[in-house]
């Protein structure tokens, strides 16, 4: 989620590279975030290759900001 906060959208390969997650694990986690309404996943093609793009939703931004605020309170 923190990767998606700072960008308009991110490709699956970018997220995989930055997180170090395997394709299978990342796919499962992204599906869970999509089911929760935190992100939107768009599947398309770039030429003949599949392209998966993720974008954080307003609900996801609100949830992430709440999470960060709760972490700050916990640390204090």
N, C-alpha and C. Protein backbone atom coordinates (compact mmCIF):
# COMPACT_ATOMS: atom_id res chain seq x y z
N UNK A 1 0.83 -1.19 0.00
CA UNK A 1 0.00 0.00 0.00
C UNK A 1 0.87 1.25 0.00
N UNK A 2 1.95 1.22 0.77
CA UNK A 2 2.79 2.42 0.85
C UNK A 2 3.42 2.75 -0.50
N UNK A 3 3.68 1.75 -1.32
CA UNK A 3 4.20 2.01 -2.67
C UNK A 3 3.17 2.74 -3.53
N UNK A 4 1.92 2.38 -3.36
CA UNK A 4 0.87 2.95 -4.21
C UNK A 4 0.44 4.34 -3.77
N UNK A 5 0.72 4.71 -2.54
CA UNK A 5 0.36 6.05 -2.04
C UNK A 5 1.06 7.13 -2.86
N UNK A 6 2.31 6.91 -3.21
CA UNK A 6 3.10 7.94 -3.86
C UNK A 6 3.04 7.97 -5.38
N UNK A 7 2.27 7.06 -5.99
CA UNK A 7 2.20 7.02 -7.45
C UNK A 7 0.75 6.94 -7.90
N UNK A 8 0.50 7.31 -9.15
CA UNK A 8 -0.85 7.21 -9.70
C UNK A 8 -1.24 5.74 -9.84
N UNK A 9 -0.31 4.94 -10.36
CA UNK A 9 -0.53 3.51 -10.50
C UNK A 9 0.83 2.83 -10.60
N UNK A 10 0.83 1.51 -10.42
CA UNK A 10 2.09 0.77 -10.49
C UNK A 10 1.84 -0.58 -11.14
N UNK A 11 2.77 -0.99 -11.97
CA UNK A 11 2.68 -2.29 -12.61
C UNK A 11 3.07 -3.39 -11.62
N UNK A 12 2.51 -4.56 -11.82
CA UNK A 12 2.77 -5.72 -10.98
C UNK A 12 4.28 -5.97 -10.85
N UNK A 13 4.99 -5.89 -11.98
CA UNK A 13 6.43 -6.17 -11.96
C UNK A 13 7.19 -5.16 -11.10
N UNK A 14 6.77 -3.91 -11.12
CA UNK A 14 7.39 -2.87 -10.29
C UNK A 14 7.18 -3.19 -8.81
N UNK A 15 5.94 -3.53 -8.44
CA UNK A 15 5.63 -3.84 -7.05
C UNK A 15 6.41 -5.08 -6.61
N UNK A 16 6.47 -6.07 -7.48
CA UNK A 16 7.20 -7.31 -7.17
C UNK A 16 8.68 -7.01 -6.92
N UNK A 17 9.26 -6.19 -7.78
CA UNK A 17 10.68 -5.84 -7.65
C UNK A 17 10.94 -5.08 -6.35
N UNK A 18 10.09 -4.12 -6.02
CA UNK A 18 10.30 -3.28 -4.84
C UNK A 18 10.05 -4.03 -3.53
N UNK A 19 9.13 -5.00 -3.55
CA UNK A 19 8.80 -5.72 -2.31
C UNK A 19 9.62 -6.99 -2.13
N UNK A 20 10.15 -7.52 -3.22
CA UNK A 20 10.88 -8.77 -3.13
C UNK A 20 9.97 -9.98 -2.96
N UNK A 21 8.68 -9.79 -3.17
CA UNK A 21 7.71 -10.88 -3.03
C UNK A 21 7.74 -11.77 -4.27
N UNK A 22 7.33 -13.03 -4.09
CA UNK A 22 7.19 -13.90 -5.24
C UNK A 22 5.91 -13.52 -5.98
N UNK A 23 5.82 -13.92 -7.22
CA UNK A 23 4.62 -13.61 -8.01
C UNK A 23 3.37 -14.16 -7.36
N UNK A 24 3.44 -15.40 -6.89
CA UNK A 24 2.28 -16.03 -6.26
C UNK A 24 1.84 -15.33 -5.00
N UNK A 25 2.79 -15.03 -4.11
CA UNK A 25 2.46 -14.35 -2.86
C UNK A 25 1.91 -12.95 -3.12
N UNK A 26 2.54 -12.23 -4.03
CA UNK A 26 2.09 -10.87 -4.33
C UNK A 26 0.68 -10.89 -4.92
N UNK A 27 0.43 -11.83 -5.80
CA UNK A 27 -0.89 -11.94 -6.41
C UNK A 27 -1.97 -12.16 -5.36
N UNK A 28 -1.71 -13.04 -4.40
CA UNK A 28 -2.67 -13.31 -3.33
C UNK A 28 -2.90 -12.06 -2.49
N UNK A 29 -1.83 -11.36 -2.13
CA UNK A 29 -1.97 -10.16 -1.30
C UNK A 29 -2.72 -9.05 -2.04
N UNK A 30 -2.42 -8.88 -3.32
CA UNK A 30 -3.12 -7.86 -4.10
C UNK A 30 -4.60 -8.19 -4.23
N UNK A 31 -4.92 -9.47 -4.41
CA UNK A 31 -6.33 -9.88 -4.48
C UNK A 31 -7.05 -9.55 -3.19
N UNK A 32 -6.40 -9.77 -2.04
CA UNK A 32 -7.01 -9.46 -0.74
C UNK A 32 -7.24 -7.96 -0.59
N UNK A 33 -6.27 -7.16 -1.02
CA UNK A 33 -6.42 -5.70 -0.95
C UNK A 33 -7.54 -5.23 -1.87
N UNK A 34 -7.67 -5.86 -3.02
CA UNK A 34 -8.74 -5.49 -3.94
C UNK A 34 -10.10 -5.87 -3.35
N UNK A 35 -10.20 -7.05 -2.75
CA UNK A 35 -11.46 -7.48 -2.14
C UNK A 35 -11.87 -6.55 -1.00
N UNK A 36 -10.89 -6.00 -0.29
CA UNK A 36 -11.17 -5.07 0.80
C UNK A 36 -11.52 -3.67 0.28
N UNK A 37 -11.34 -3.45 -1.01
CA UNK A 37 -11.65 -2.15 -1.60
C UNK A 37 -10.53 -1.14 -1.48
N UNK A 38 -9.33 -1.61 -1.10
CA UNK A 38 -8.20 -0.71 -0.91
C UNK A 38 -7.48 -0.36 -2.21
N UNK A 39 -7.52 -1.28 -3.18
CA UNK A 39 -6.87 -1.03 -4.46
C UNK A 39 -7.79 -1.48 -5.59
N UNK A 40 -7.49 -1.00 -6.79
CA UNK A 40 -8.13 -1.47 -8.01
C UNK A 40 -7.06 -2.14 -8.85
N UNK A 41 -7.40 -3.27 -9.44
CA UNK A 41 -6.47 -3.99 -10.30
C UNK A 41 -7.04 -3.98 -11.72
N UNK A 42 -6.20 -3.57 -12.66
CA UNK A 42 -6.59 -3.55 -14.07
C UNK A 42 -5.69 -4.50 -14.83
N UNK A 43 -6.30 -5.41 -15.56
CA UNK A 43 -5.53 -6.36 -16.37
C UNK A 43 -5.73 -6.01 -17.83
N UNK A 44 -4.62 -5.89 -18.54
CA UNK A 44 -4.67 -5.55 -19.96
C UNK A 44 -3.48 -6.21 -20.65
N UNK A 45 -3.20 -5.77 -21.84
CA UNK A 45 -2.04 -6.29 -22.57
C UNK A 45 -1.18 -5.13 -23.04
N UNK A 46 0.11 -5.34 -23.01
CA UNK A 46 1.09 -4.40 -23.56
C UNK A 46 1.74 -5.16 -24.71
N UNK A 47 1.28 -4.87 -25.91
CA UNK A 47 1.67 -5.71 -27.03
C UNK A 47 0.98 -7.06 -26.85
N UNK A 48 1.78 -8.12 -26.82
CA UNK A 48 1.22 -9.46 -26.62
C UNK A 48 1.39 -9.94 -25.19
N UNK A 49 1.98 -9.12 -24.35
CA UNK A 49 2.24 -9.53 -22.96
C UNK A 49 1.16 -9.01 -22.03
N UNK A 50 0.76 -9.85 -21.06
CA UNK A 50 -0.22 -9.39 -20.07
C UNK A 50 0.38 -8.29 -19.19
N UNK A 51 -0.45 -7.34 -18.81
CA UNK A 51 -0.02 -6.23 -17.98
C UNK A 51 -1.03 -6.04 -16.85
N UNK A 52 -0.55 -6.13 -15.62
CA UNK A 52 -1.40 -5.91 -14.46
C UNK A 52 -0.98 -4.61 -13.80
N UNK A 53 -1.93 -3.70 -13.65
CA UNK A 53 -1.66 -2.39 -13.05
C UNK A 53 -2.53 -2.22 -11.82
N UNK A 54 -1.92 -1.70 -10.75
CA UNK A 54 -2.63 -1.49 -9.49
C UNK A 54 -2.70 -0.01 -9.17
N UNK A 55 -3.83 0.38 -8.58
CA UNK A 55 -4.05 1.78 -8.20
C UNK A 55 -4.76 1.79 -6.85
N UNK A 56 -4.30 2.65 -5.94
CA UNK A 56 -4.95 2.74 -4.63
C UNK A 56 -6.26 3.52 -4.76
N UNK A 57 -7.26 3.12 -4.00
CA UNK A 57 -8.57 3.79 -4.03
C UNK A 57 -8.63 4.84 -2.91
N UNK A 58 -9.65 5.66 -2.93
CA UNK A 58 -9.84 6.63 -1.84
C UNK A 58 -10.02 5.91 -0.52
N UNK A 59 -10.76 4.80 -0.56
CA UNK A 59 -10.94 3.99 0.65
C UNK A 59 -9.58 3.47 1.15
N UNK A 60 -8.73 3.07 0.22
CA UNK A 60 -7.40 2.59 0.57
C UNK A 60 -6.53 3.68 1.16
N UNK A 61 -6.62 4.88 0.60
CA UNK A 61 -5.86 6.02 1.13
C UNK A 61 -6.31 6.32 2.55
N UNK A 62 -7.62 6.36 2.77
CA UNK A 62 -8.14 6.63 4.12
C UNK A 62 -7.70 5.56 5.11
N UNK A 63 -7.76 4.30 4.70
CA UNK A 63 -7.35 3.20 5.58
C UNK A 63 -5.86 3.29 5.90
N UNK A 64 -5.05 3.63 4.90
CA UNK A 64 -3.61 3.74 5.12
C UNK A 64 -3.29 4.90 6.05
N UNK A 65 -3.95 6.04 5.85
CA UNK A 65 -3.73 7.20 6.72
C UNK A 65 -4.14 6.89 8.16
N UNK A 66 -5.23 6.18 8.34
CA UNK A 66 -5.66 5.77 9.68
C UNK A 66 -4.62 4.85 10.31
N UNK A 67 -4.11 3.93 9.53
CA UNK A 67 -3.07 3.00 10.00
C UNK A 67 -1.83 3.76 10.46
N UNK A 68 -1.39 4.73 9.67
CA UNK A 68 -0.21 5.52 10.01
C UNK A 68 -0.46 6.32 11.29
N UNK A 69 -1.63 6.92 11.42
CA UNK A 69 -1.96 7.68 12.64
C UNK A 69 -1.96 6.78 13.86
N UNK A 70 -2.51 5.59 13.73
CA UNK A 70 -2.51 4.64 14.85
C UNK A 70 -1.11 4.21 15.22
N UNK A 71 -0.24 4.04 14.23
CA UNK A 71 1.16 3.71 14.52
C UNK A 71 1.84 4.83 15.28
N UNK A 72 1.59 6.07 14.86
CA UNK A 72 2.17 7.22 15.55
C UNK A 72 1.73 7.26 17.01
N UNK A 73 0.45 7.02 17.26
CA UNK A 73 -0.06 7.01 18.64
C UNK A 73 0.58 5.90 19.45
N UNK A 74 0.78 4.76 18.84
CA UNK A 74 1.38 3.62 19.52
C UNK A 74 2.83 3.92 19.91
N UNK A 75 3.56 4.56 19.00
CA UNK A 75 4.97 4.87 19.24
C UNK A 75 5.14 5.91 20.33
N UNK A 76 4.23 6.87 20.39
CA UNK A 76 4.33 7.93 21.39
C UNK A 76 4.06 7.35 22.73
